[in-house]
Amino acid sequence: MRFAAHQWVVVLGGSSGFGLATAQKLAEHGLNCFIVHRDRRGAMARIEPEFDQIRRHGVSLVTMNVDALDPAMREECLARLADALGPDGRVRVLLHSIAFGNLKLLLPDPPVERPAIGRLAEALGIDAQHLATTVNRLFGEGFDVLGPLAEAPAYPSGAFLEEEDFQRTIDSMGTSLVTWARALLARRLFADDARVVGLTSEGNTVAWKGYAAVAAAKVVLESVARAMAVELAPYGVRSNIVQAGITDTPALRAIPGHDHLAAQARLRNPFRRLTTPRDVANAIFLLASDEAAWINGAILRVDGGEHVAGAVA
């Protein structure tokens, strides 16, 4: 499939992970890209070659390194977008991939006792510290089955979630999708057959330590996406959510205990690997296609069956 030359994708959070992979995938199929990202100057040496890869597909690319959550910056982005689109250009896809959430715990995490290492060392007649060190090393090298015996994740102990932390996270990772969608609609920038896509995770129903604020934001995101599926349909906009499996992205690596999460996912996943940003980008491409026009208000799992797999053996 090749998208019409006047169509664009707007990616909020498009310099890494799902956002970048989706922009690259859609650019392969002819969509022009408008990417909003927020990165330090030092990170641009990594990011610019990725943007060059998009340009090599012969599409237009406009990038803005600003805070997509700042109302003044949003207005600036919209003005720049309207100028880039010109009189005939329209937004086919709006992807919300903002991963700006608070990862504090609710309460202090008590020390975890792991008697298994001591008992195992005693049974083997070896030094417990040597065994613990060996287990941690092998777990770090990818022996996922040793996760339950490896050193427990270290969680932040100096600060805990406050009401303001919840509010900021829910705004950035949840309701800001509505703000951007309505702004595009008000300026008549959406195509007649447009798609709004948000990203959620298994943390919407499973409790991970340090993920409470982000989990709340994900549930809000899903809720507002359903509301948009109904209220924006008369304007030709479809609204869906993609639930990715555990994926090695900068956002995952920011989560305390992410190595344990990744190990558990690899053990549980029927294909014994993590989800990749490209897996998710491929699904968003399908949602953007003409054939997916009747998919609206859905949460689509893209995880190779990870969510439904119960056994880790």
Protein backbone atom coordinates (compact mmCIF):
# COMPACT_ATOMS: atom_id res chain seq x y z
CA MET A 1 0.00 0.00 0.00
CA ARG A 2 1.16 3.51 -0.84
CA PHE A 3 -0.47 6.45 0.94
CA ALA A 4 -1.50 9.52 -1.02
CA ALA A 5 1.28 12.07 -1.41
CA HIS A 6 -0.62 14.76 0.50
CA GLN A 7 -1.11 12.64 3.64
CA TRP A 8 0.90 12.91 6.86
CA VAL A 9 1.47 11.19 10.15
CA VAL A 10 1.90 13.24 13.32
CA VAL A 11 3.97 11.43 15.93
CA LEU A 12 4.10 12.74 19.47
CA GLY A 13 7.28 11.27 20.93
CA GLY A 14 8.97 10.18 17.72
CA SER A 15 12.71 10.15 18.37
CA SER A 16 12.96 6.60 19.72
CA GLY A 17 11.02 3.41 20.44
CA PHE A 18 7.52 2.96 19.07
CA GLY A 19 7.18 6.50 17.75
CA LEU A 20 10.35 6.42 15.68
CA ALA A 21 9.73 2.89 14.40
CA THR A 22 6.22 3.86 13.31
CA ALA A 23 7.37 7.00 11.54
CA GLN A 24 9.96 4.96 9.64
CA LYS A 25 7.42 2.26 8.75
CA LEU A 26 4.79 4.72 7.51
CA ALA A 27 7.42 6.70 5.61
CA GLU A 28 8.30 3.50 3.73
CA HIS A 29 4.70 3.58 2.49
CA GLY A 30 4.70 7.22 1.51
CA LEU A 31 3.36 9.08 4.53
CA ASN A 32 5.02 12.41 5.22
CA CYS A 33 6.13 12.75 8.86
CA PHE A 34 5.69 15.48 11.42
CA ILE A 35 7.56 14.45 14.57
CA VAL A 36 7.40 16.18 17.92
CA HIS A 37 10.06 15.05 20.37
CA ARG A 38 11.90 16.34 23.39
CA ASP A 39 15.57 15.50 23.60
CA ARG A 40 18.76 17.07 24.85
CA ARG A 41 21.21 18.39 22.30
CA GLY A 42 23.65 15.59 23.11
CA ALA A 43 21.10 12.97 22.04
CA MET A 44 20.73 14.40 18.54
CA ALA A 45 23.87 12.65 17.28
CA ARG A 46 21.95 9.38 17.68
CA ILE A 47 18.62 10.73 16.49
CA GLU A 48 19.58 12.63 13.32
CA PRO A 49 20.71 9.49 11.42
CA GLU A 50 17.31 7.96 12.24
CA PHE A 51 15.58 11.01 10.80
CA ASP A 52 17.82 10.82 7.73
CA GLN A 53 16.57 7.27 7.21
CA ILE A 54 13.02 8.63 7.02
CA ARG A 55 14.04 11.26 4.48
CA ARG A 56 15.62 8.59 2.28
CA HIS A 57 12.13 7.27 1.58
CA GLY A 58 11.42 10.43 -0.40
CA VAL A 59 8.84 11.86 1.98
CA SER A 60 8.74 15.21 3.73
CA LEU A 61 9.90 15.29 7.34
CA VAL A 62 9.35 18.10 9.81
CA THR A 63 10.70 17.72 13.33
CA MET A 64 10.19 19.91 16.38
CA ASN A 65 12.27 19.39 19.50
CA VAL A 66 9.83 20.91 21.99
CA ASP A 67 7.57 19.93 24.87
CA ALA A 68 4.37 18.60 23.25
CA LEU A 69 2.56 19.11 26.55
CA ASP A 70 3.22 22.84 26.73
CA PRO A 71 0.17 24.72 25.35
CA ALA A 72 2.32 27.44 23.78
CA MET A 73 4.59 24.88 22.12
CA ARG A 74 1.56 22.93 20.93
CA GLU A 75 0.23 26.04 19.20
CA GLU A 76 3.64 26.57 17.62
CA CYS A 77 3.65 22.96 16.40
CA LEU A 78 0.18 23.26 14.94
CA ALA A 79 1.09 26.42 13.06
CA ARG A 80 4.19 24.73 11.67
CA LEU A 81 2.18 21.64 10.77
CA ALA A 82 -0.47 23.68 8.94
CA ASP A 83 2.26 25.43 6.99
CA ALA A 84 3.89 22.09 6.08
CA LEU A 85 0.59 20.57 4.98
CA GLY A 86 -0.32 23.50 2.75
CA PRO A 87 -3.83 23.85 1.33
CA ASP A 88 -4.22 20.20 0.36
CA GLY A 89 -2.27 18.23 2.96
CA ARG A 90 -4.11 16.31 5.67
CA VAL A 91 -3.21 14.19 8.70
CA ARG A 92 -3.97 10.54 8.12
CA VAL A 93 -2.51 9.28 11.42
CA LEU A 94 -1.99 10.84 14.84
CA LEU A 95 0.19 8.61 17.05
CA HIS A 96 0.54 9.38 20.74
CA SER A 97 3.81 7.88 21.97
CA ILE A 98 4.65 10.20 24.83
CA ALA A 99 6.43 8.26 27.58
CA PHE A 100 6.82 10.99 30.20
CA GLY A 101 5.57 9.36 33.39
CA ASN A 102 6.52 9.20 37.05
CA LEU A 103 7.94 5.87 38.22
CA LYS A 104 8.01 6.37 41.98
CA LEU A 105 6.65 3.80 44.42
CA LEU A 106 3.55 4.37 46.52
CA LEU A 107 5.39 3.47 49.75
CA PRO A 108 8.88 2.37 50.89
CA ASP A 109 9.76 -1.11 49.66
CA PRO A 110 10.69 -3.43 52.56
CA PRO A 111 13.88 -5.50 52.19
CA VAL A 112 13.28 -8.79 50.37
CA GLU A 113 14.51 -11.95 52.08
CA ARG A 114 15.73 -14.64 49.65
CA PRO A 115 16.42 -17.75 51.71
CA ALA A 116 16.64 -19.95 48.62
CA ILE A 117 20.22 -18.89 47.81
CA GLY A 118 21.41 -19.79 51.32
CA ARG A 119 19.59 -23.13 51.33
CA LEU A 120 20.86 -24.01 47.85
CA ALA A 121 24.45 -23.07 48.76
CA GLU A 122 24.21 -25.16 51.91
CA ALA A 123 22.88 -28.14 49.96
CA LEU A 124 25.68 -27.80 47.40
CA GLY A 125 28.33 -27.20 50.05
CA ILE A 126 29.50 -23.91 48.50
CA ASP A 127 29.78 -20.33 49.68
CA ALA A 128 26.44 -18.51 49.55
CA GLN A 129 27.96 -15.19 48.47
CA HIS A 130 29.82 -16.88 45.63
CA LEU A 131 26.60 -18.57 44.53
CA ALA A 132 24.65 -15.28 44.69
CA THR A 133 27.32 -13.51 42.63
CA THR A 134 27.31 -16.30 40.06
CA VAL A 135 23.52 -16.27 39.80
CA ASN A 136 23.47 -12.48 39.30
CA ARG A 137 26.15 -12.70 36.62
CA LEU A 138 24.38 -15.45 34.69
CA PHE A 139 21.05 -13.64 34.96
CA GLY A 140 22.70 -10.54 33.54
CA GLU A 141 24.04 -12.66 30.67
CA GLY A 142 20.53 -13.75 29.75
CA PHE A 143 19.72 -16.85 31.77
CA ASP A 144 16.18 -15.68 32.45
CA VAL A 145 15.16 -18.69 34.52
CA LEU A 146 17.51 -17.48 37.27
CA GLY A 147 15.44 -14.32 37.75
CA PRO A 148 13.69 -15.49 40.94
CA LEU A 149 17.12 -16.23 42.51
CA ALA A 150 18.84 -13.07 41.26
CA GLU A 151 19.19 -9.89 43.26
CA ALA A 152 15.90 -8.06 43.66
CA PRO A 153 15.40 -4.82 41.71
CA ALA A 154 16.40 -1.60 43.47
CA TYR A 155 13.55 0.89 43.70
CA PRO A 156 13.82 4.62 44.46
CA SER A 157 13.69 5.05 48.23
CA GLY A 158 13.87 8.81 48.66
CA ALA A 159 10.53 9.98 47.24
CA PHE A 160 7.09 8.54 46.69
CA LEU A 161 4.12 9.35 44.49
CA GLU A 162 2.29 12.57 45.30
CA GLU A 163 -1.01 13.78 43.92
CA GLU A 164 0.80 16.11 41.54
CA ASP A 165 2.85 13.20 40.19
CA PHE A 166 -0.35 11.37 39.28
CA GLN A 167 -1.85 14.46 37.66
CA ARG A 168 1.19 15.18 35.50
CA THR A 169 1.55 11.57 34.40
CA ILE A 170 -2.12 11.19 33.55
CA ASP A 171 -2.01 14.41 31.55
CA SER A 172 1.15 13.55 29.63
CA MET A 173 0.42 9.88 28.94
CA GLY A 174 -3.38 9.95 28.95
CA THR A 175 -5.52 12.99 28.32
CA SER A 176 -3.01 14.85 26.14
CA LEU A 177 -4.10 12.55 23.31
CA VAL A 178 -7.53 14.18 23.41
CA THR A 179 -6.03 17.65 23.53
CA TRP A 180 -4.01 17.05 20.38
CA ALA A 181 -6.81 15.25 18.54
CA ARG A 182 -9.27 18.05 19.21
CA ALA A 183 -6.72 20.67 18.18
CA LEU A 184 -6.17 18.93 14.83
CA LEU A 185 -9.91 18.56 14.35
CA ALA A 186 -10.60 22.21 15.17
CA ARG A 187 -8.09 23.31 12.53
CA ARG A 188 -9.55 20.88 9.97
CA LEU A 189 -6.18 19.18 9.58
CA PHE A 190 -7.43 15.58 9.75
CA ALA A 191 -8.01 13.62 6.56
CA ASP A 192 -11.55 12.45 5.82
CA ASP A 193 -10.46 8.93 6.88
CA ALA A 194 -8.07 9.54 9.77
CA ARG A 195 -6.68 7.36 12.54
CA VAL A 196 -5.79 8.24 16.13
CA VAL A 197 -3.62 5.64 17.85
CA GLY A 198 -2.44 5.46 21.45
CA LEU A 199 -0.16 2.98 23.17
CA THR A 200 -0.87 1.05 26.33
CA SER A 201 0.81 -1.85 28.12
CA GLU A 202 0.00 -4.90 30.22
CA GLY A 203 0.48 -2.60 33.20
CA ASN A 204 -3.11 -1.51 32.57
CA THR A 205 -4.31 -4.62 34.42
CA VAL A 206 -1.17 -6.03 36.06
CA ALA A 207 0.50 -4.23 38.98
CA TRP A 208 4.22 -3.55 38.54
CA LYS A 209 6.13 -1.84 41.33
CA GLY A 210 6.77 1.80 40.53
CA TYR A 211 4.21 1.78 37.71
CA ALA A 212 1.13 3.03 39.58
CA ALA A 213 1.00 6.50 38.04
CA VAL A 214 1.75 5.23 34.53
CA ALA A 215 -0.81 2.45 34.92
CA ALA A 216 -3.43 5.02 35.90
CA ALA A 217 -2.50 7.07 32.83
CA LYS A 218 -2.74 4.04 30.55
CA VAL A 219 -6.24 3.26 31.77
CA VAL A 220 -7.25 6.88 31.24
CA LEU A 221 -5.77 6.75 27.75
CA GLU A 222 -7.82 3.68 26.90
CA SER A 223 -10.94 5.32 28.28
CA VAL A 224 -10.59 8.54 26.32
CA ALA A 225 -9.71 6.59 23.18
CA ARG A 226 -13.04 4.77 23.47
CA ALA A 227 -14.83 8.09 23.94
CA MET A 228 -13.12 9.50 20.87
CA ALA A 229 -14.08 6.41 18.89
CA VAL A 230 -17.69 7.44 19.40
CA GLU A 231 -17.52 11.21 19.41
CA LEU A 232 -14.99 11.69 16.60
CA ALA A 233 -16.48 9.08 14.27
CA PRO A 234 -18.86 11.60 12.69
CA TYR A 235 -15.75 13.51 11.62
CA GLY A 236 -14.16 10.47 9.98
CA VAL A 237 -11.68 9.77 12.78
CA ARG A 238 -11.08 6.21 14.03
CA SER A 239 -9.56 5.87 17.49
CA ASN A 240 -7.74 2.74 18.64
CA ILE A 241 -5.18 1.62 21.21
CA VAL A 242 -2.28 -0.78 20.69
CA GLN A 243 -1.21 -2.83 23.70
CA ALA A 244 2.39 -3.81 23.09
CA GLY A 245 4.14 -6.67 24.80
CA ILE A 246 7.24 -6.00 26.84
CA THR A 247 9.55 -4.15 24.44
CA ASP A 248 13.16 -3.09 24.85
CA THR A 249 12.79 0.68 24.52
CA PRO A 250 14.26 3.62 26.43
CA ALA A 251 10.93 3.86 28.26
CA LEU A 252 11.20 0.24 29.46
CA ARG A 253 14.79 0.72 30.58
CA ALA A 254 13.64 3.60 32.79
CA ILE A 255 11.38 1.28 34.81
CA PRO A 256 13.04 -0.06 38.00
CA GLY A 257 13.35 -3.83 37.67
CA HIS A 258 13.02 -3.74 33.89
CA ASP A 259 15.51 -6.59 33.49
CA HIS A 260 13.26 -8.82 35.59
CA LEU A 261 10.20 -7.71 33.58
CA ALA A 262 11.99 -8.54 30.35
CA ALA A 263 13.14 -11.93 31.62
CA GLN A 264 9.62 -12.87 32.74
CA ALA A 265 8.22 -11.78 29.37
CA ARG A 266 10.72 -13.89 27.41
CA LEU A 267 9.89 -16.93 29.52
CA ARG A 268 6.15 -16.40 29.15
CA ASN A 269 6.01 -15.39 25.51
CA PRO A 270 5.13 -18.32 23.19
CA PHE A 271 7.84 -17.10 20.79
CA ARG A 272 10.43 -16.69 23.60
CA ARG A 273 11.39 -13.17 22.63
CA LEU A 274 10.42 -9.61 23.45
CA THR A 275 8.19 -7.49 21.26
CA THR A 276 10.13 -5.10 19.02
CA PRO A 277 9.22 -1.52 18.09
CA ARG A 278 8.97 -2.78 14.50
CA ASP A 279 6.31 -5.33 15.53
CA VAL A 280 4.21 -2.48 16.88
CA ALA A 281 4.92 -0.21 13.91
CA ASN A 282 3.71 -2.96 11.57
CA ALA A 283 0.41 -3.17 13.48
CA ILE A 284 -0.07 0.59 13.39
CA PHE A 285 0.56 0.50 9.64
CA LEU A 286 -2.24 -2.06 9.33
CA LEU A 287 -4.55 0.18 11.40
CA ALA A 288 -3.69 3.06 9.08
CA SER A 289 -4.59 1.09 5.96
CA ASP A 290 -7.86 1.49 4.05
CA GLU A 291 -8.80 -2.07 4.95
CA ALA A 292 -8.79 -1.23 8.69
CA ALA A 293 -11.36 1.53 8.36
CA TRP A 294 -13.96 -0.45 10.30
CA ILE A 295 -11.70 -0.97 13.34
CA ASN A 296 -12.71 1.68 15.84
CA GLY A 297 -12.64 1.77 19.62
CA ALA A 298 -10.47 -1.35 19.89
CA ILE A 299 -7.53 -2.34 22.06
CA LEU A 300 -5.27 -4.44 19.85
CA ARG A 301 -2.68 -6.63 21.57
CA VAL A 302 0.63 -6.85 19.70
CA ASP A 303 2.66 -9.21 21.86
CA GLY A 304 2.98 -12.58 20.11
CA GLY A 305 0.53 -14.09 22.59
CA GLU A 306 2.43 -12.99 25.69
CA HIS A 307 -0.64 -11.75 27.54
CA VAL A 308 -2.63 -14.95 27.18
CA ALA A 309 0.28 -17.29 27.96
CA GLY A 310 0.10 -18.37 31.57
CA ALA A 311 2.93 -20.90 31.94
CA VAL A 312 6.60 -19.94 32.11
CA ALA A 313 7.93 -23.45 31.57
